[in-house]
Amino acid sequence: MTIDEKIIKPKLGLLKLAEQLGNVSQACKIMGYSRDSFYGFKELAESEPMVLTEAQVKALEKAQEQRPAEGQIETEHPGYLGSQDTYYVGTIKGLAAFINRLFIDTYSKVALAKLYDRKNALVAADLLNDRVVPFFEQQQLPLLRILTDRGTEYCGSIQHHEFQLYLAIENIDHSKTKVRSPQSNGICERFHRTIQDEFYQVAFRKKLYTSLDELQADLDEWLESYNRERPHTGKYCDGRTPFQTLRDQTSGFSEAT
């Protein structure tokens, strides 16, 4: 057996193990690879014989990790990569300043959001626990990876950081944007403008809010319309609503994993 064959064998073994188990996540955990690496190996194996040197394997794995951080958002299906960010909204009279914590599925453009009166790792994890993970569980889809900036609410030691701990518990990989490059999370930046122009500006002209719960209820109603009724021009939506885009891909992805 050549050196190259010794290098290639574990990669093919990962694909075969995933097929035998019927579970990509479990196979990656057993073999010690990320799910991004699995799909990279799978794509190469399907397109041509897998003949990779050690340097090529390392380059592939590094590229899989760096693409989201460099603004080249690579997404294969709903749940493959979610983008999370924070948007300062303003204040409600008599209450503290409040922020909009946002999650967007980069494939379908399904958006989920929740309002908070503070900005820390605990509320960053709460958005995932309260809104995001339950939503994907309802759709019978795994959430594989999260893209965030490098703020302290997202980054820290897993032993003392609620967000990092939650990602580990839920087996969600974490990618981070480049330093001082908010445009590399542009999908959230664009949605911030949309939600500001189409929801917050309109809502504050029409109504005097006295609590976050009251504003959250109207935000949830607007998001429901955005996700299920409004056609989207995103790359994978092709004029469909975000939720319809997600549902149209669900059956095919379930069969593949």
Protein backbone atom coordinates (compact mmCIF):
# COMPACT_ATOMS: atom_id res chain seq x y z
CA MET A 1 0.00 0.00 0.00
CA THR A 2 1.39 3.43 -0.99
CA ILE A 3 1.54 6.45 1.35
CA ASP A 4 -1.27 8.12 -0.60
CA GLU A 5 -3.47 5.04 -0.24
CA LYS A 6 -2.89 5.05 3.52
CA ILE A 7 -3.98 8.69 3.62
CA ILE A 8 -7.04 8.14 1.41
CA LYS A 9 -8.33 5.02 3.16
CA PRO A 10 -9.64 6.75 6.33
CA LYS A 11 -11.47 9.32 4.18
CA LEU A 12 -13.24 6.59 2.23
CA GLY A 13 -13.84 4.80 5.53
CA LEU A 14 -15.65 7.88 6.82
CA LEU A 15 -18.02 7.84 3.84
CA LYS A 16 -18.64 4.12 4.18
CA LEU A 17 -19.22 4.36 7.94
CA ALA A 18 -21.76 7.14 7.44
CA GLU A 19 -23.55 4.98 4.88
CA GLN A 20 -23.59 1.96 7.20
CA LEU A 21 -24.80 3.96 10.22
CA GLY A 22 -27.21 6.09 8.23
CA ASN A 23 -25.98 9.01 10.34
CA VAL A 24 -23.39 11.54 9.13
CA SER A 25 -22.95 13.22 12.52
CA GLN A 26 -22.27 9.97 14.35
CA ALA A 27 -19.77 8.82 11.73
CA CYS A 28 -17.89 12.14 11.91
CA LYS A 29 -17.74 11.93 15.69
CA ILE A 30 -16.36 8.38 15.57
CA MET A 31 -13.76 9.16 12.89
CA GLY A 32 -12.79 12.58 14.28
CA TYR A 33 -13.81 14.74 11.31
CA SER A 34 -16.14 17.73 11.00
CA ARG A 35 -19.31 17.44 8.93
CA ASP A 36 -17.98 20.09 6.55
CA SER A 37 -15.01 17.82 5.85
CA PHE A 38 -17.37 14.87 5.29
CA TYR A 39 -19.32 16.73 2.59
CA GLY A 40 -16.06 17.88 1.00
CA PHE A 41 -14.80 14.28 0.82
CA LYS A 42 -18.19 13.11 -0.45
CA GLU A 43 -18.22 15.69 -3.23
CA LEU A 44 -14.75 14.67 -4.39
CA ALA A 45 -15.53 10.97 -4.21
CA GLU A 46 -18.63 11.40 -6.38
CA SER A 47 -16.93 13.56 -8.99
CA GLU A 48 -13.68 11.61 -9.43
CA PRO A 49 -11.50 8.90 -7.82
CA MET A 50 -10.27 10.13 -4.45
CA VAL A 51 -6.51 10.49 -4.89
CA LEU A 52 -5.37 13.07 -2.35
CA THR A 53 -2.00 13.71 -0.82
CA GLU A 54 -1.68 14.63 2.85
CA ALA A 55 -1.16 18.29 1.87
CA GLN A 56 -4.31 18.24 -0.29
CA VAL A 57 -6.37 16.75 2.52
CA LYS A 58 -5.18 19.43 4.95
CA ALA A 59 -5.87 22.16 2.38
CA LEU A 60 -9.40 20.84 1.85
CA GLU A 61 -10.17 20.77 5.56
CA LYS A 62 -8.70 24.25 6.06
CA ALA A 63 -10.72 25.64 3.17
CA GLN A 64 -13.93 24.18 4.58
CA GLU A 65 -13.27 26.02 7.85
CA GLN A 66 -12.19 29.33 6.29
CA ARG A 67 -14.84 29.86 3.61
CA PRO A 68 -17.56 31.17 5.93
CA ALA A 69 -15.05 33.33 7.81
CA GLU A 70 -13.91 34.98 4.57
CA GLY A 71 -17.39 35.93 3.46
CA GLN A 72 -17.69 33.12 0.90
CA ILE A 73 -20.75 31.58 2.43
CA GLU A 74 -20.91 27.99 1.22
CA THR A 75 -24.22 26.34 1.99
CA GLU A 76 -25.49 23.01 0.73
CA HIS A 77 -28.97 22.67 2.21
CA PRO A 78 -31.21 24.03 4.99
CA GLY A 79 -29.49 23.64 8.34
CA TYR A 80 -26.02 23.43 6.80
CA LEU A 81 -25.05 26.91 8.05
CA GLY A 82 -26.96 29.38 10.18
CA SER A 83 -25.87 32.97 10.71
CA GLN A 84 -26.42 34.65 14.09
CA ASP A 85 -26.00 38.33 14.93
CA THR A 86 -27.15 41.12 17.24
CA TYR A 87 -28.94 44.30 16.19
CA TYR A 88 -29.44 47.28 18.52
CA VAL A 89 -33.03 48.52 18.12
CA GLY A 90 -33.52 51.28 20.68
CA THR A 91 -35.32 51.88 23.97
CA ILE A 92 -38.84 51.64 25.31
CA LYS A 93 -39.81 54.42 27.69
CA GLY A 94 -39.24 53.32 31.28
CA LEU A 95 -37.27 50.22 30.21
CA ALA A 96 -33.65 49.53 29.40
CA ALA A 97 -32.29 49.59 25.87
CA PHE A 98 -33.16 46.47 23.91
CA ILE A 99 -31.59 44.49 21.11
CA ASN A 100 -32.82 42.14 18.39
CA ARG A 101 -30.94 38.84 18.37
CA LEU A 102 -31.23 37.27 14.93
CA PHE A 103 -30.72 33.89 13.27
CA ILE A 104 -30.93 33.25 9.51
CA ASP A 105 -30.62 29.94 7.70
CA THR A 106 -28.20 30.83 4.91
CA TYR A 107 -29.79 28.44 2.40
CA SER A 108 -33.53 29.02 2.76
CA LYS A 109 -33.30 32.54 4.32
CA VAL A 110 -35.72 31.52 7.08
CA ALA A 111 -35.31 34.15 9.81
CA LEU A 112 -35.89 33.79 13.56
CA ALA A 113 -35.48 36.58 16.12
CA LYS A 114 -36.00 37.37 19.77
CA LEU A 115 -35.74 40.60 21.76
CA TYR A 116 -33.57 40.98 24.86
CA ASP A 117 -32.63 43.74 27.27
CA ARG A 118 -29.01 42.58 27.56
CA LYS A 119 -26.15 41.27 25.46
CA ASN A 120 -24.19 38.27 26.76
CA ALA A 121 -23.41 34.62 26.13
CA LEU A 122 -26.47 33.39 28.02
CA VAL A 123 -28.98 35.18 25.80
CA ALA A 124 -27.01 34.18 22.70
CA ALA A 125 -27.52 30.57 23.76
CA ASP A 126 -31.14 31.25 24.72
CA LEU A 127 -32.04 32.25 21.16
CA LEU A 128 -30.80 28.90 19.90
CA ASN A 129 -32.47 26.97 22.71
CA ASP A 130 -35.80 28.80 22.64
CA ARG A 131 -36.32 29.47 18.93
CA VAL A 132 -33.74 27.98 16.57
CA VAL A 133 -33.10 24.38 17.65
CA PRO A 134 -36.82 23.67 18.34
CA PHE A 135 -37.67 25.01 14.86
CA PHE A 136 -35.18 22.70 13.14
CA GLU A 137 -36.32 19.77 15.25
CA GLN A 138 -39.89 20.40 14.08
CA GLN A 139 -38.66 20.25 10.49
CA GLN A 140 -36.66 17.08 11.28
CA LEU A 141 -33.46 18.80 10.16
CA PRO A 142 -30.14 18.98 12.02
CA LEU A 143 -28.45 22.35 12.46
CA LEU A 144 -24.82 21.70 11.57
CA ARG A 145 -22.95 24.99 11.92
CA ILE A 146 -23.32 28.56 13.22
CA LEU A 147 -21.53 31.63 11.83
CA THR A 148 -21.03 34.57 14.21
CA ASP A 149 -18.72 37.51 14.73
CA ARG A 150 -15.97 37.32 17.35
CA GLY A 151 -17.84 39.14 20.11
CA THR A 152 -17.48 37.97 23.70
CA GLU A 153 -21.05 36.69 23.75
CA TYR A 154 -20.06 34.10 21.12
CA CYS A 155 -16.43 33.28 21.93
CA GLY A 156 -14.83 31.97 25.10
CA SER A 157 -13.72 28.91 27.03
CA ILE A 158 -16.28 26.13 26.85
CA GLN A 159 -15.98 25.49 30.60
CA HIS A 160 -17.18 29.01 31.46
CA HIS A 161 -19.10 30.18 28.40
CA GLU A 162 -22.82 29.44 28.02
CA PHE A 163 -22.92 29.85 24.23
CA GLN A 164 -19.91 27.61 23.60
CA LEU A 165 -21.24 25.04 26.04
CA TYR A 166 -24.62 24.99 24.32
CA LEU A 167 -23.00 24.46 20.90
CA ALA A 168 -21.03 21.53 22.32
CA ILE A 169 -24.13 19.96 23.87
CA GLU A 170 -26.10 20.26 20.63
CA ASN A 171 -23.09 19.20 18.49
CA ILE A 172 -23.18 22.40 16.42
CA ASP A 173 -19.94 23.53 14.77
CA HIS A 174 -18.89 27.19 15.07
CA SER A 175 -17.37 29.43 12.39
CA LYS A 176 -16.34 33.03 13.07
CA THR A 177 -16.05 36.06 10.78
CA LYS A 178 -12.71 37.72 10.11
CA VAL A 179 -11.60 40.34 12.62
CA ARG A 180 -13.09 43.80 11.95
CA SER A 181 -14.97 42.47 8.91
CA PRO A 182 -18.72 42.66 9.66
CA GLN A 183 -19.43 42.43 5.93
CA SER A 184 -18.35 38.78 6.06
CA ASN A 185 -21.65 38.16 7.85
CA GLY A 186 -23.44 40.18 5.18
CA ILE A 187 -26.57 38.04 5.16
CA CYS A 188 -27.42 39.31 8.64
CA GLU A 189 -26.38 42.88 7.80
CA ARG A 190 -28.82 42.93 4.88
CA PHE A 191 -31.62 41.54 7.00
CA HIS A 192 -30.98 44.20 9.67
CA ARG A 193 -31.83 46.84 7.06
CA THR A 194 -34.92 44.93 5.94
CA ILE A 195 -36.31 44.49 9.45
CA GLN A 196 -35.54 48.11 10.33
CA ASP A 197 -37.27 49.53 7.24
CA GLU A 198 -40.18 47.13 7.00
CA PHE A 199 -40.97 46.34 10.62
CA TYR A 200 -39.49 48.58 13.32
CA GLN A 201 -39.97 51.93 11.58
CA VAL A 202 -43.56 51.05 10.72
CA ALA A 203 -44.36 49.52 14.12
CA PHE A 204 -43.06 52.48 16.13
CA ARG A 205 -45.08 54.92 14.02
CA LYS A 206 -48.28 52.98 14.59
CA LYS A 207 -48.03 51.96 18.23
CA LEU A 208 -46.64 53.07 21.59
CA TYR A 209 -45.06 49.98 23.14
CA THR A 210 -44.82 49.54 26.90
CA SER A 211 -43.05 46.16 27.12
CA LEU A 212 -40.72 43.86 25.21
CA ASP A 213 -43.36 41.13 25.22
CA GLU A 214 -45.75 43.41 23.37
CA LEU A 215 -43.16 44.27 20.74
CA GLN A 216 -42.07 40.61 20.50
CA ALA A 217 -45.62 39.54 19.67
CA ASP A 218 -45.76 41.95 16.72
CA LEU A 219 -42.25 40.93 15.63
CA ASP A 220 -43.29 37.26 15.64
CA GLU A 221 -46.29 38.10 13.46
CA TRP A 222 -44.11 39.99 10.97
CA LEU A 223 -41.56 37.14 10.85
CA GLU A 224 -44.34 34.63 10.19
CA SER A 225 -45.39 36.67 7.16
CA TYR A 226 -41.78 37.14 6.05
CA ASN A 227 -41.00 33.42 6.21
CA ARG A 228 -44.24 31.98 4.84
CA GLU A 229 -45.91 34.58 2.60
CA ARG A 230 -43.28 36.83 1.06
CA PRO A 231 -41.41 35.60 -2.07
CA HIS A 232 -37.65 35.87 -1.69
CA THR A 233 -35.07 36.59 -4.39
CA GLY A 234 -32.24 34.72 -2.64
CA LYS A 235 -29.94 32.43 -4.64
CA TYR A 236 -31.73 29.22 -3.62
CA CYS A 237 -35.22 30.65 -3.12
CA ASP A 238 -35.85 31.52 -6.78
CA GLY A 239 -39.03 33.45 -5.96
CA ARG A 240 -40.29 31.01 -3.33
CA THR A 241 -40.88 31.96 0.28
CA PRO A 242 -38.09 31.07 2.74
CA PHE A 243 -40.21 28.41 4.42
CA GLN A 244 -41.23 26.84 1.10
CA THR A 245 -37.57 26.77 0.04
CA LEU A 246 -36.73 24.94 3.26
CA ARG A 247 -39.58 22.44 2.90
CA ASP A 248 -38.80 21.71 -0.76
CA GLN A 249 -35.28 20.62 0.24
CA THR A 250 -36.19 18.64 3.35
CA SER A 251 -37.08 15.31 1.78
CA GLY A 252 -34.00 15.18 -0.43
CA PHE A 253 -31.66 16.04 2.42
CA SER A 254 -33.26 13.47 4.74
CA GLU A 255 -32.67 10.75 2.18
CA ALA A 256 -29.03 11.81 1.71
CA THR A 257 -28.18 11.68 5.43
